[in-house]
Every structure is written in structure tokens, then in C-alpha cells.
């Protein structure tokens, strides 16, 4: 089993190559597939209350895990085919968000950053 991001990426790449699926993995197709999987994830919570969404049965937890995994795999594939380093991109985005949402203005608030300007 893969327990690091680079090992998981390699395992997914091998899986895709063995099936000759690179031909179908354009950024557009992968992004669309990822959104479909994200929608399937949302389905599991669609009519739940906030409290219910925190209390997953073992069966529902497994189903949610499958949808999260599908979404994550597609995200990794998009990054792979576009040459984007997700760790670097996430760190850069956190830095950007830290500027957009300064602690003294954003703490405890769910307002969009434009409200702080």
C-alpha cells in the first residue's frame, strides 16, 4: 500500500498505463470526472442535518471514503497531466489566503474576503 503522495501517484500512474487510459485523461475529462465524483460525495449528505452529517454509520462512512478516494485520484491525475505540484500549489494558496483572510479580521467569521477590503 502507498502511504506517501509520491508513492500513490506512482501507483495510480502505473494503473492508468497498464490499462492504456492516458488517451482519455485530458485535463478537461479528468476535471469533469472529478466533479461527477464530488457530486456523488455530496449525495451522501444531501438531506442530512449538520449533526447527522457528523454521525456516519460504518456503511455510510465506507461509501463516503470511496467517493473521497475517487475525487482524490482524479485530482492527482489532473495535477499529473498538467505538471502541477499539488503540495507547492497548496502552500502557495495558503499564503495567498492568509493575506486575503487576516486573523484579526477573519477569526470566527465566514464572510468572503471582499468584506474585509
PDB file of N, CA and C in Angstrom:
ATOM      1  N   UNK A   1       0.831  -1.189   0.000  1.00  0.00           N
ATOM      2  CA  UNK A   1       0.000   0.000   0.000  1.00  0.00           C
ATOM      3  C   UNK A   1       0.875   1.252   0.000  1.00  0.00           C
ATOM      4  N   UNK A   2       0.365   2.272  -0.638  1.00  0.00           N
ATOM      5  CA  UNK A   2       1.076   3.542  -0.709  1.00  0.00           C
ATOM      6  C   UNK A   2       0.658   4.431   0.453  1.00  0.00           C
ATOM      7  N   UNK A   3       1.656   4.977   1.146  1.00  0.00           N
ATOM      8  CA  UNK A   3       1.315   5.882   2.246  1.00  0.00           C
ATOM      9  C   UNK A   3       1.951   7.251   2.083  1.00  0.00           C
ATOM     10  N   UNK A   4       2.522   7.520   0.929  1.00  0.00           N
ATOM     11  CA  UNK A   4       3.027   8.861   0.644  1.00  0.00           C
ATOM     12  C   UNK A   4       2.409   9.315  -0.674  1.00  0.00           C
ATOM     13  N   UNK A   5       2.358  10.615  -0.847  1.00  0.00           N
ATOM     14  CA  UNK A   5       1.766  11.165  -2.059  1.00  0.00           C
ATOM     15  C   UNK A   5       2.523  10.712  -3.307  1.00  0.00           C
ATOM     16  N   UNK A   6       3.843  10.702  -3.246  1.00  0.00           N
ATOM     17  CA  UNK A   6       4.612  10.300  -4.435  1.00  0.00           C
ATOM     18  C   UNK A   6       4.411   8.816  -4.746  1.00  0.00           C
ATOM     19  N   UNK A   7       4.318   7.983  -3.718  1.00  0.00           N
ATOM     20  CA  UNK A   7       4.067   6.550  -3.950  1.00  0.00           C
ATOM     21  C   UNK A   7       2.677   6.328  -4.531  1.00  0.00           C
ATOM     22  N   UNK A   8       1.702   7.068  -4.029  1.00  0.00           N
ATOM     23  CA  UNK A   8       0.339   6.938  -4.533  1.00  0.00           C
ATOM     24  C   UNK A   8       0.260   7.398  -5.982  1.00  0.00           C
ATOM     25  N   UNK A   9       0.902   8.516  -6.298  1.00  0.00           N
ATOM     26  CA  UNK A   9       0.923   8.989  -7.681  1.00  0.00           C
ATOM     27  C   UNK A   9       1.528   7.935  -8.598  1.00  0.00           C
ATOM     28  N   UNK A  10       2.633   7.322  -8.180  1.00  0.00           N
ATOM     29  CA  UNK A  10       3.279   6.284  -8.993  1.00  0.00           C
ATOM     30  C   UNK A  10       2.354   5.085  -9.183  1.00  0.00           C
ATOM     31  N   UNK A  11       1.662   4.705  -8.134  1.00  0.00           N
ATOM     32  CA  UNK A  11       0.742   3.565  -8.221  1.00  0.00           C
ATOM     33  C   UNK A  11      -0.416   3.873  -9.173  1.00  0.00           C
ATOM     34  N   UNK A  12      -0.960   5.079  -9.076  1.00  0.00           N
ATOM     35  CA  UNK A  12      -2.048   5.476  -9.976  1.00  0.00           C
ATOM     36  C   UNK A  12      -1.543   5.535 -11.411  1.00  0.00           C
ATOM     37  N   UNK A  13      -0.367   6.120 -11.629  1.00  0.00           N
ATOM     38  CA  UNK A  13       0.197   6.194 -12.979  1.00  0.00           C
ATOM     39  C   UNK A  13       0.378   4.805 -13.579  1.00  0.00           C
ATOM     40  N   UNK A  14       0.873   3.873 -12.786  1.00  0.00           N
ATOM     41  CA  UNK A  14       1.045   2.501 -13.274  1.00  0.00           C
ATOM     42  C   UNK A  14      -0.312   1.890 -13.622  1.00  0.00           C
ATOM     43  N   UNK A  15      -1.295   2.077 -12.771  1.00  0.00           N
ATOM     44  CA  UNK A  15      -2.648   1.570 -13.002  1.00  0.00           C
ATOM     45  C   UNK A  15      -3.193   2.090 -14.335  1.00  0.00           C
ATOM     46  N   UNK A  16      -3.026   3.393 -14.565  1.00  0.00           N
ATOM     47  CA  UNK A  16      -3.513   4.027 -15.789  1.00  0.00           C
ATOM     48  C   UNK A  16      -2.752   3.503 -17.004  1.00  0.00           C
ATOM     49  N   UNK A  17      -1.430   3.412 -16.906  1.00  0.00           N
ATOM     50  CA  UNK A  17      -0.609   2.954 -18.028  1.00  0.00           C
ATOM     51  C   UNK A  17      -0.923   1.508 -18.400  1.00  0.00           C
ATOM     52  N   UNK A  18      -1.114   0.656 -17.417  1.00  0.00           N
ATOM     53  CA  UNK A  18      -1.421  -0.749 -17.685  1.00  0.00           C
ATOM     54  C   UNK A  18      -2.725  -0.910 -18.465  1.00  0.00           C
ATOM     55  N   UNK A  19      -3.623   0.024 -18.317  1.00  0.00           N
ATOM     56  CA  UNK A  19      -4.919  -0.047 -18.988  1.00  0.00           C
ATOM     57  C   UNK A  19      -4.982   0.830 -20.243  1.00  0.00           C
ATOM     58  N   UNK A  20      -3.879   1.510 -20.559  1.00  0.00           N
ATOM     59  CA  UNK A  20      -3.805   2.413 -21.706  1.00  0.00           C
ATOM     60  C   UNK A  20      -4.898   3.480 -21.641  1.00  0.00           C
ATOM     61  N   UNK A  21      -5.047   4.088 -20.473  1.00  0.00           N
ATOM     62  CA  UNK A  21      -6.075   5.103 -20.262  1.00  0.00           C
ATOM     63  C   UNK A  21      -5.552   6.524 -20.412  1.00  0.00           C
ATOM     64  N   UNK A  22      -4.231   6.694 -20.621  1.00  0.00           N
ATOM     65  CA  UNK A  22      -3.704   8.055 -20.773  1.00  0.00           C
ATOM     66  C   UNK A  22      -4.442   8.804 -21.870  1.00  0.00           C
ATOM     67  N   UNK A  23      -4.826   8.077 -22.931  1.00  0.00           N
ATOM     68  CA  UNK A  23      -5.508   8.692 -24.068  1.00  0.00           C
ATOM     69  C   UNK A  23      -6.817   9.376 -23.677  1.00  0.00           C
ATOM     70  N   UNK A  24      -7.416   8.974 -22.569  1.00  0.00           N
ATOM     71  CA  UNK A  24      -8.689   9.542 -22.120  1.00  0.00           C
ATOM     72  C   UNK A  24      -8.514  10.609 -21.038  1.00  0.00           C
ATOM     73  N   UNK A  25      -7.297  10.743 -20.530  1.00  0.00           N
ATOM     74  CA  UNK A  25      -7.058  11.596 -19.372  1.00  0.00           C
ATOM     75  C   UNK A  25      -6.578  12.993 -19.739  1.00  0.00           C
ATOM     76  N   UNK A  26      -7.408  13.700 -20.489  1.00  0.00           N
ATOM     77  CA  UNK A  26      -7.133  15.116 -20.737  1.00  0.00           C
ATOM     78  C   UNK A  26      -7.522  15.882 -19.477  1.00  0.00           C
ATOM     79  N   UNK A  27      -6.935  17.056 -19.266  1.00  0.00           N
ATOM     80  CA  UNK A  27      -7.353  17.841 -18.100  1.00  0.00           C
ATOM     81  C   UNK A  27      -8.866  18.066 -18.064  1.00  0.00           C
ATOM     82  N   UNK A  28      -9.468  18.335 -19.210  1.00  0.00           N
ATOM     83  CA  UNK A  28     -10.923  18.546 -19.285  1.00  0.00           C
ATOM     84  C   UNK A  28     -11.680  17.310 -18.812  1.00  0.00           C
ATOM     85  N   UNK A  29     -11.342  16.153 -19.346  1.00  0.00           N
ATOM     86  CA  UNK A  29     -12.049  14.925 -18.974  1.00  0.00           C
ATOM     87  C   UNK A  29     -11.853  14.585 -17.502  1.00  0.00           C
ATOM     88  N   UNK A  30     -10.638  14.773 -17.021  1.00  0.00           N
ATOM     89  CA  UNK A  30     -10.362  14.470 -15.612  1.00  0.00           C
ATOM     90  C   UNK A  30     -11.105  15.425 -14.682  1.00  0.00           C
ATOM     91  N   UNK A  31     -11.150  16.702 -15.054  1.00  0.00           N
ATOM     92  CA  UNK A  31     -11.876  17.673 -14.225  1.00  0.00           C
ATOM     93  C   UNK A  31     -13.361  17.334 -14.189  1.00  0.00           C
ATOM     94  N   UNK A  32     -13.910  16.955 -15.317  1.00  0.00           N
ATOM     95  CA  UNK A  32     -15.323  16.577 -15.358  1.00  0.00           C
ATOM     96  C   UNK A  32     -15.577  15.333 -14.515  1.00  0.00           C
ATOM     97  N   UNK A  33     -14.697  14.351 -14.624  1.00  0.00           N
ATOM     98  CA  UNK A  33     -14.851  13.122 -13.842  1.00  0.00           C
ATOM     99  C   UNK A  33     -14.743  13.408 -12.346  1.00  0.00           C
ATOM    100  N   UNK A  34     -13.828  14.314 -11.976  1.00  0.00           N
ATOM    101  CA  UNK A  34     -13.666  14.660 -10.569  1.00  0.00           C
ATOM    102  C   UNK A  34     -14.932  15.309 -10.022  1.00  0.00           C
ATOM    103  N   UNK A  35     -15.549  16.178 -10.796  1.00  0.00           N
ATOM    104  CA  UNK A  35     -16.774  16.845 -10.352  1.00  0.00           C
ATOM    105  C   UNK A  35     -17.917  15.840 -10.228  1.00  0.00           C
ATOM    106  N   UNK A  36     -17.993  14.882 -11.114  1.00  0.00           N
ATOM    107  CA  UNK A  36     -19.013  13.834 -11.004  1.00  0.00           C
ATOM    108  C   UNK A  36     -18.831  13.081  -9.689  1.00  0.00           C
ATOM    109  N   UNK A  37     -17.599  12.727  -9.365  1.00  0.00           N
ATOM    110  CA  UNK A  37     -17.335  12.018  -8.111  1.00  0.00           C
ATOM    111  C   UNK A  37     -17.634  12.899  -6.900  1.00  0.00           C
ATOM    112  N   UNK A  38     -17.314  14.189  -6.996  1.00  0.00           N
ATOM    113  CA  UNK A  38     -17.630  15.111  -5.898  1.00  0.00           C
ATOM    114  C   UNK A  38     -19.137  15.207  -5.702  1.00  0.00           C
ATOM    115  N   UNK A  39     -19.890  15.191  -6.792  1.00  0.00           N
ATOM    116  CA  UNK A  39     -21.348  15.213  -6.694  1.00  0.00           C
ATOM    117  C   UNK A  39     -21.856  13.938  -6.022  1.00  0.00           C
ATOM    118  N   UNK A  40     -21.241  12.805  -6.323  1.00  0.00           N
ATOM    119  CA  UNK A  40     -21.623  11.554  -5.664  1.00  0.00           C
ATOM    120  C   UNK A  40     -21.322  11.615  -4.168  1.00  0.00           C
ATOM    121  N   UNK A  41     -20.257  12.308  -3.796  1.00  0.00           N
ATOM    122  CA  UNK A  41     -19.949  12.517  -2.384  1.00  0.00           C
ATOM    123  C   UNK A  41     -21.043  13.354  -1.722  1.00  0.00           C
ATOM    124  N   UNK A  42     -21.433  14.429  -2.367  1.00  0.00           N
ATOM    125  CA  UNK A  42     -22.463  15.320  -1.833  1.00  0.00           C
ATOM    126  C   UNK A  42     -23.781  14.567  -1.619  1.00  0.00           C
ATOM    127  N   UNK A  43     -24.075  13.639  -2.517  1.00  0.00           N
ATOM    128  CA  UNK A  43     -25.308  12.854  -2.399  1.00  0.00           C
ATOM    129  C   UNK A  43     -25.452  12.192  -1.029  1.00  0.00           C
ATOM    130  N   UNK A  44     -24.336  11.768  -0.459  1.00  0.00           N
ATOM    131  CA  UNK A  44     -24.388  11.076   0.833  1.00  0.00           C
ATOM    132  C   UNK A  44     -24.804  11.998   1.971  1.00  0.00           C
ATOM    133  N   UNK A  45     -24.719  13.293   1.774  1.00  0.00           N
ATOM    134  CA  UNK A  45     -25.047  14.265   2.823  1.00  0.00           C
ATOM    135  C   UNK A  45     -26.244  15.149   2.464  1.00  0.00           C
ATOM    136  N   UNK A  46     -26.788  14.958   1.291  1.00  0.00           N
ATOM    137  CA  UNK A  46     -27.754  15.887   0.713  1.00  0.00           C
ATOM    138  C   UNK A  46     -28.883  16.286   1.664  1.00  0.00           C
ATOM    139  N   UNK A  47     -29.502  15.364   2.335  1.00  0.00           N
ATOM    140  CA  UNK A  47     -30.652  15.688   3.167  1.00  0.00           C
ATOM    141  C   UNK A  47     -30.351  15.560   4.656  1.00  0.00           C
ATOM    142  N   UNK A  48     -29.095  15.376   4.988  1.00  0.00           N
ATOM    143  CA  UNK A  48     -28.709  15.271   6.393  1.00  0.00           C
ATOM    144  C   UNK A  48     -28.719  16.642   7.063  1.00  0.00           C
ATOM    145  N   UNK A  49     -29.005  16.626   8.349  1.00  0.00           N
ATOM    146  CA  UNK A  49     -28.781  17.839   9.136  1.00  0.00           C
ATOM    147  C   UNK A  49     -27.281  17.945   9.378  1.00  0.00           C
ATOM    148  N   UNK A  50     -26.842  19.070   9.903  1.00  0.00           N
ATOM    149  CA  UNK A  50     -25.420  19.219  10.226  1.00  0.00           C
ATOM    150  C   UNK A  50     -24.994  18.125  11.194  1.00  0.00           C
ATOM    151  N   UNK A  51     -25.801  17.874  12.213  1.00  0.00           N
ATOM    152  CA  UNK A  51     -25.472  16.834  13.196  1.00  0.00           C
ATOM    153  C   UNK A  51     -25.396  15.457  12.546  1.00  0.00           C
ATOM    154  N   UNK A  52     -26.367  15.130  11.705  1.00  0.00           N
ATOM    155  CA  UNK A  52     -26.380  13.826  11.039  1.00  0.00           C
ATOM    156  C   UNK A  52     -25.143  13.644  10.154  1.00  0.00           C
ATOM    157  N   UNK A  53     -24.693  14.729   9.547  1.00  0.00           N
ATOM    158  CA  UNK A  53     -23.528  14.620   8.658  1.00  0.00           C
ATOM    159  C   UNK A  53     -22.252  14.273   9.429  1.00  0.00           C
ATOM    160  N   UNK A  54     -22.257  14.499  10.737  1.00  0.00           N
ATOM    161  CA  UNK A  54     -21.108  14.144  11.575  1.00  0.00           C
ATOM    162  C   UNK A  54     -21.195  12.715  12.100  1.00  0.00           C
ATOM    163  N   UNK A  55     -22.357  12.094  12.006  1.00  0.00           N
ATOM    164  CA  UNK A  55     -22.574  10.767  12.591  1.00  0.00           C
ATOM    165  C   UNK A  55     -22.785   9.737  11.488  1.00  0.00           C
ATOM    166  N   UNK A  56     -21.699   9.261  10.924  1.00  0.00           N
ATOM    167  CA  UNK A  56     -21.774   8.308   9.820  1.00  0.00           C
ATOM    168  C   UNK A  56     -21.835   6.881  10.346  1.00  0.00           C
ATOM    169  N   UNK A  57     -22.742   6.103   9.785  1.00  0.00           N
ATOM    170  CA  UNK A  57     -22.743   4.672  10.076  1.00  0.00           C
ATOM    171  C   UNK A  57     -21.502   4.071   9.429  1.00  0.00           C
ATOM    172  N   UNK A  58     -21.077   2.896   9.854  1.00  0.00           N
ATOM    173  CA  UNK A  58     -19.909   2.278   9.201  1.00  0.00           C
ATOM    174  C   UNK A  58     -20.106   2.115   7.695  1.00  0.00           C
ATOM    175  N   UNK A  59     -21.310   1.751   7.276  1.00  0.00           N
ATOM    176  CA  UNK A  59     -21.574   1.565   5.847  1.00  0.00           C
ATOM    177  C   UNK A  59     -21.480   2.898   5.095  1.00  0.00           C
ATOM    178  N   UNK A  60     -22.090   3.939   5.661  1.00  0.00           N
ATOM    179  CA  UNK A  60     -22.054   5.243   5.003  1.00  0.00           C
ATOM    180  C   UNK A  60     -20.637   5.801   5.010  1.00  0.00           C
ATOM    181  N   UNK A  61     -19.910   5.580   6.082  1.00  0.00           N
ATOM    182  CA  UNK A  61     -18.522   6.033   6.163  1.00  0.00           C
ATOM    183  C   UNK A  61     -17.692   5.400   5.047  1.00  0.00           C
ATOM    184  N   UNK A  62     -17.902   4.117   4.797  1.00  0.00           N
ATOM    185  CA  UNK A  62     -17.181   3.424   3.722  1.00  0.00           C
ATOM    186  C   UNK A  62     -17.556   4.008   2.361  1.00  0.00           C
ATOM    187  N   UNK A  63     -18.844   4.279   2.136  1.00  0.00           N
ATOM    188  CA  UNK A  63     -19.279   4.860   0.866  1.00  0.00           C
ATOM    189  C   UNK A  63     -18.681   6.248   0.669  1.00  0.00           C
ATOM    190  N   UNK A  64     -18.672   7.049   1.728  1.00  0.00           N
ATOM    191  CA  UNK A  64     -18.075   8.386   1.663  1.00  0.00           C
ATOM    192  C   UNK A  64     -16.582   8.272   1.369  1.00  0.00           C
ATOM    193  N   UNK A  65     -15.920   7.311   1.999  1.00  0.00           N
ATOM    194  CA  UNK A  65     -14.490   7.096   1.760  1.00  0.00           C
ATOM    195  C   UNK A  65     -14.226   6.767   0.293  1.00  0.00           C
ATOM    196  N   UNK A  66     -15.086   5.963  -0.306  1.00  0.00           N
ATOM    197  CA  UNK A  66     -14.923   5.604  -1.724  1.00  0.00           C
ATOM    198  C   UNK A  66     -15.048   6.843  -2.613  1.00  0.00           C
ATOM    199  N   UNK A  67     -16.015   7.687  -2.324  1.00  0.00           N
ATOM    200  CA  UNK A  67     -16.200   8.890  -3.141  1.00  0.00           C
ATOM    201  C   UNK A  67     -15.054   9.879  -2.931  1.00  0.00           C
ATOM    202  N   UNK A  68     -14.586  10.006  -1.692  1.00  0.00           N
ATOM    203  CA  UNK A  68     -13.416  10.858  -1.435  1.00  0.00           C
ATOM    204  C   UNK A  68     -12.201  10.333  -2.195  1.00  0.00           C
ATOM    205  N   UNK A  69     -12.018   9.010  -2.179  1.00  0.00           N
ATOM    206  CA  UNK A  69     -10.880   8.411  -2.883  1.00  0.00           C
ATOM    207  C   UNK A  69     -10.974   8.662  -4.383  1.00  0.00           C
ATOM    208  N   UNK A  70     -12.169   8.474  -4.955  1.00  0.00           N
ATOM    209  CA  UNK A  70     -12.340   8.722  -6.391  1.00  0.00           C
ATOM    210  C   UNK A  70     -12.005  10.172  -6.730  1.00  0.00           C
ATOM    211  N   UNK A  71     -12.510  11.106  -5.925  1.00  0.00           N
ATOM    212  CA  UNK A  71     -12.246  12.516  -6.154  1.00  0.00           C
ATOM    213  C   UNK A  71     -10.756  12.821  -6.039  1.00  0.00           C
ATOM    214  N   UNK A  72     -10.122  12.257  -5.017  1.00  0.00           N
ATOM    215  CA  UNK A  72      -8.698  12.464  -4.782  1.00  0.00           C
ATOM    216  C   UNK A  72      -7.846  11.909  -5.925  1.00  0.00           C
ATOM    217  N   UNK A  73      -8.193  10.728  -6.410  1.00  0.00           N
ATOM    218  CA  UNK A  73      -7.435  10.114  -7.505  1.00  0.00           C
ATOM    219  C   UNK A  73      -7.528  10.983  -8.760  1.00  0.00           C
ATOM    220  N   UNK A  74      -8.733  11.466  -9.070  1.00  0.00           N
ATOM    221  CA  UNK A  74      -8.865  12.343 -10.237  1.00  0.00           C
ATOM    222  C   UNK A  74      -8.089  13.640 -10.046  1.00  0.00           C
ATOM    223  N   UNK A  75      -8.109  14.189  -8.838  1.00  0.00           N
ATOM    224  CA  UNK A  75      -7.325  15.393  -8.557  1.00  0.00           C
ATOM    225  C   UNK A  75      -5.839  15.137  -8.811  1.00  0.00           C
ATOM    226  N   UNK A  76      -5.349  14.013  -8.322  1.00  0.00           N
ATOM    227  CA  UNK A  76      -3.939  13.669  -8.540  1.00  0.00           C
ATOM    228  C   UNK A  76      -3.629  13.496 -10.019  1.00  0.00           C
ATOM    229  N   UNK A  77      -4.551  12.900 -10.774  1.00  0.00           N
ATOM    230  CA  UNK A  77      -4.325  12.716 -12.212  1.00  0.00           C
ATOM    231  C   UNK A  77      -4.296  14.060 -12.946  1.00  0.00           C
ATOM    232  N   UNK A  78      -5.187  14.981 -12.569  1.00  0.00           N
ATOM    233  CA  UNK A  78      -5.177  16.307 -13.201  1.00  0.00           C
ATOM    234  C   UNK A  78      -3.829  16.981 -12.944  1.00  0.00           C
ATOM    235  N   UNK A  79      -3.369  16.914 -11.713  1.00  0.00           N
ATOM    236  CA  UNK A  79      -2.072  17.503 -11.383  1.00  0.00           C
ATOM    237  C   UNK A  79      -0.963  16.839 -12.185  1.00  0.00           C
ATOM    238  N   UNK A  80      -1.038  15.535 -12.333  1.00  0.00           N
ATOM    239  CA  UNK A  80      -0.023  14.785 -13.077  1.00  0.00           C
ATOM    240  C   UNK A  80       0.035  15.232 -14.535  1.00  0.00           C
ATOM    241  N   UNK A  81      -1.120  15.282 -15.193  1.00  0.00           N
ATOM    242  CA  UNK A  81      -1.106  15.587 -16.631  1.00  0.00           C
ATOM    243  C   UNK A  81      -0.860  17.066 -16.917  1.00  0.00           C
ATOM    244  N   UNK A  82      -1.080  17.924 -15.935  1.00  0.00           N
ATOM    245  CA  UNK A  82      -0.805  19.355 -16.137  1.00  0.00           C
ATOM    246  C   UNK A  82       0.555  19.768 -15.586  1.00  0.00           C
ATOM    247  N   UNK A  83       1.233  18.846 -14.897  1.00  0.00           N
ATOM    248  CA  UNK A  83       2.543  19.153 -14.343  1.00  0.00           C
ATOM    249  C   UNK A  83       2.496  20.095 -13.156  1.00  0.00           C
ATOM    250  N   UNK A  84       1.402  20.067 -12.413  1.00  0.00           N
ATOM    251  CA  UNK A  84       1.258  20.938 -11.238  1.00  0.00           C
ATOM    252  C   UNK A  84       1.652  20.175  -9.977  1.00  0.00           C
ATOM    253  N   UNK A  85       2.531  20.772  -9.207  1.00  0.00           N
ATOM    254  CA  UNK A  85       2.942  20.215  -7.913  1.00  0.00           C
ATOM    255  C   UNK A  85       1.884  20.628  -6.895  1.00  0.00           C
ATOM    256  N   UNK A  86       1.059  19.682  -6.484  1.00  0.00           N
ATOM    257  CA  UNK A  86      -0.050  19.995  -5.582  1.00  0.00           C
ATOM    258  C   UNK A  86       0.411  20.513  -4.226  1.00  0.00           C
ATOM    259  N   UNK A  87       1.503  19.988  -3.716  1.00  0.00           N
ATOM    260  CA  UNK A  87       2.000  20.450  -2.415  1.00  0.00           C
ATOM    261  C   UNK A  87       2.428  21.918  -2.519  1.00  0.00           C
ATOM    262  N   UNK A  88       3.185  22.239  -3.561  1.00  0.00           N
ATOM    263  CA  UNK A  88       3.616  23.628  -3.757  1.00  0.00           C
ATOM    264  C   UNK A  88       2.413  24.532  -4.005  1.00  0.00           C
ATOM    265  N   UNK A  89       1.462  24.070  -4.805  1.00  0.00           N
ATOM    266  CA  UNK A  89       0.273  24.871  -5.103  1.00  0.00           C
ATOM    267  C   UNK A  89      -0.554  25.113  -3.839  1.00  0.00           C
ATOM    268  N   UNK A  90      -0.707  24.086  -3.013  1.00  0.00           N
ATOM    269  CA  UNK A  90      -1.479  24.236  -1.775  1.00  0.00           C
ATOM    270  C   UNK A  90      -0.790  25.199  -0.814  1.00  0.00           C
ATOM    271  N   UNK A  91       0.525  25.079  -0.699  1.00  0.00           N
ATOM    272  CA  UNK A  91       1.261  26.001   0.168  1.00  0.00           C
ATOM    273  C   UNK A  91       1.153  27.439  -0.325  1.00  0.00           C
ATOM    274  N   UNK A  92       1.250  27.641  -1.625  1.00  0.00           N
ATOM    275  CA  UNK A  92       1.117  28.987  -2.188  1.00  0.00           C
ATOM    276  C   UNK A  92      -0.286  29.533  -1.950  1.00  0.00           C
ATOM    277  N   UNK A  93      -1.287  28.682  -2.069  1.00  0.00           N
ATOM    278  CA  UNK A  93      -2.670  29.113  -1.860  1.00  0.00           C
ATOM    279  C   UNK A  93      -2.923  29.457  -0.394  1.00  0.00           C
ATOM    280  N   UNK A  94      -2.343  28.710   0.513  1.00  0.00           N
ATOM    281  CA  UNK A  94      -2.469  29.030   1.941  1.00  0.00           C
ATOM    282  C   UNK A  94      -1.872  30.406   2.223  1.00  0.00           C
ATOM    283  N   UNK A  95      -0.721  30.690   1.627  1.00  0.00           N
ATOM    284  CA  UNK A  95      -0.095  32.006   1.795  1.00  0.00           C
ATOM    285  C   UNK A  95      -0.996  33.112   1.241  1.00  0.00           C
ATOM    286  N   UNK A  96      -1.562  32.889   0.075  1.00  0.00           N
ATOM    287  CA  UNK A  96      -2.471  33.859  -0.534  1.00  0.00           C
ATOM    288  C   UNK A  96      -3.700  34.068   0.358  1.00  0.00           C
ATOM    289  N   UNK A  97      -4.272  32.960   0.844  1.00  0.00           N
ATOM    290  CA  UNK A  97      -5.455  33.064   1.706  1.00  0.00           C
ATOM    291  C   UNK A  97      -5.145  33.739   3.035  1.00  0.00           C
ATOM    292  N   UNK A  98      -3.933  33.562   3.529  1.00  0.00           N
ATOM    293  CA  UNK A  98      -3.541  34.228   4.781  1.00  0.00           C
ATOM    294  C   UNK A  98      -3.570  35.746   4.610  1.00  0.00           C
ATOM    295  N   UNK A  99      -3.225  36.207   3.400  1.00  0.00           N
ATOM    296  CA  UNK A  99      -3.279  37.644   3.120  1.00  0.00           C
ATOM    297  C   UNK A  99      -4.721  38.116   2.911  1.00  0.00           C
ATOM    298  N   UNK A 100      -5.523  37.279   2.257  1.00  0.00           N
ATOM    299  CA  UNK A 100      -6.914  37.637   1.995  1.00  0.00           C
ATOM    300  C   UNK A 100      -7.771  37.582   3.260  1.00  0.00           C
ATOM    301  N   UNK A 101      -7.411  36.681   4.161  1.00  0.00           N
ATOM    302  CA  UNK A 101      -8.180  36.476   5.380  1.00  0.00           C
ATOM    303  C   UNK A 101      -7.289  36.655   6.609  1.00  0.00           C
ATOM    304  N   UNK A 102      -6.886  37.884   6.921  1.00  0.00           N
ATOM    305  CA  UNK A 102      -6.031  38.093   8.092  1.00  0.00           C
ATOM    306  C   UNK A 102      -6.781  37.678   9.368  1.00  0.00           C
ATOM    307  N   UNK A 103      -6.046  37.085  10.292  1.00  0.00           N
ATOM    308  CA  UNK A 103      -6.639  36.558  11.519  1.00  0.00           C
ATOM    309  C   UNK A 103      -7.466  37.620  12.244  1.00  0.00           C
ATOM    310  N   UNK A 104      -6.953  38.825  12.334  1.00  0.00           N
ATOM    311  CA  UNK A 104      -7.653  39.858  13.098  1.00  0.00           C
ATOM    312  C   UNK A 104      -8.998  40.237  12.488  1.00  0.00           C
ATOM    313  N   UNK A 105      -9.189  39.959  11.200  1.00  0.00           N
ATOM    314  CA  UNK A 105     -10.466  40.280  10.555  1.00  0.00           C
ATOM    315  C   UNK A 105     -11.334  39.044  10.307  1.00  0.00           C
ATOM    316  N   UNK A 106     -10.698  37.903  10.092  1.00  0.00           N
ATOM    317  CA  UNK A 106     -11.434  36.714   9.671  1.00  0.00           C
ATOM    318  C   UNK A 106     -11.774  35.744  10.803  1.00  0.00           C
ATOM    319  N   UNK A 107     -11.114  35.851  11.921  1.00  0.00           N
ATOM    320  CA  UNK A 107     -11.314  34.877  13.004  1.00  0.00           C
ATOM    321  C   UNK A 107     -12.784  34.819  13.429  1.00  0.00           C
ATOM    322  N   UNK A 108     -13.350  33.622  13.350  1.00  0.00           N
ATOM    323  CA  UNK A 108     -14.731  33.406  13.757  1.00  0.00           C
ATOM    324  C   UNK A 108     -15.766  33.884  12.756  1.00  0.00           C
ATOM    325  N   UNK A 109     -15.337  34.324  11.582  1.00  0.00           N
ATOM    326  CA  UNK A 109     -16.257  34.854  10.569  1.00  0.00           C
ATOM    327  C   UNK A 109     -16.207  33.984   9.320  1.00  0.00           C
ATOM    328  N   UNK A 110     -17.357  33.833   8.681  1.00  0.00           N
ATOM    329  CA  UNK A 110     -17.383  33.102   7.409  1.00  0.00           C
ATOM    330  C   UNK A 110     -17.597  34.048   6.225  1.00  0.00           C
ATOM    331  N   UNK A 111     -17.374  35.331   6.431  1.00  0.00           N
ATOM    332  CA  UNK A 111     -17.536  36.322   5.368  1.00  0.00           C
ATOM    333  C   UNK A 111     -16.450  36.160   4.309  1.00  0.00           C
ATOM    334  N   UNK A 112     -16.808  36.471   3.071  1.00  0.00           N
ATOM    335  CA  UNK A 112     -15.844  36.442   1.983  1.00  0.00           C
ATOM    336  C   UNK A 112     -14.837  37.576   2.177  1.00  0.00           C
ATOM    337  N   UNK A 113     -13.621  37.372   1.707  1.00  0.00           N
ATOM    338  CA  UNK A 113     -12.547  38.341   1.891  1.00  0.00           C
ATOM    339  C   UNK A 113     -12.878  39.727   1.381  1.00  0.00           C
ATOM    340  N   UNK A 114     -13.746  39.820   0.396  1.00  0.00           N
ATOM    341  CA  UNK A 114     -14.113  41.128  -0.145  1.00  0.00           C
ATOM    342  C   UNK A 114     -14.800  42.000   0.900  1.00  0.00           C
ATOM    343  N   UNK A 115     -15.342  41.407   1.935  1.00  0.00           N
ATOM    344  CA  UNK A 115     -15.972  42.160   3.019  1.00  0.00           C
ATOM    345  C   UNK A 115     -14.934  42.855   3.890  1.00  0.00           C
ATOM    346  N   UNK A 116     -13.683  42.385   3.810  1.00  0.00           N
ATOM    347  CA  UNK A 116     -12.618  42.956   4.630  1.00  0.00           C
ATOM    348  C   UNK A 116     -11.907  44.118   3.963  1.00  0.00           C
ATOM    349  N   UNK A 117     -12.122  44.275   2.666  1.00  0.00           N
ATOM    350  CA  UNK A 117     -11.394  45.298   1.905  1.00  0.00           C
ATOM    351  C   UNK A 117     -11.973  46.688   2.138  1.00  0.00           C
TER     352      UNK A 117
END
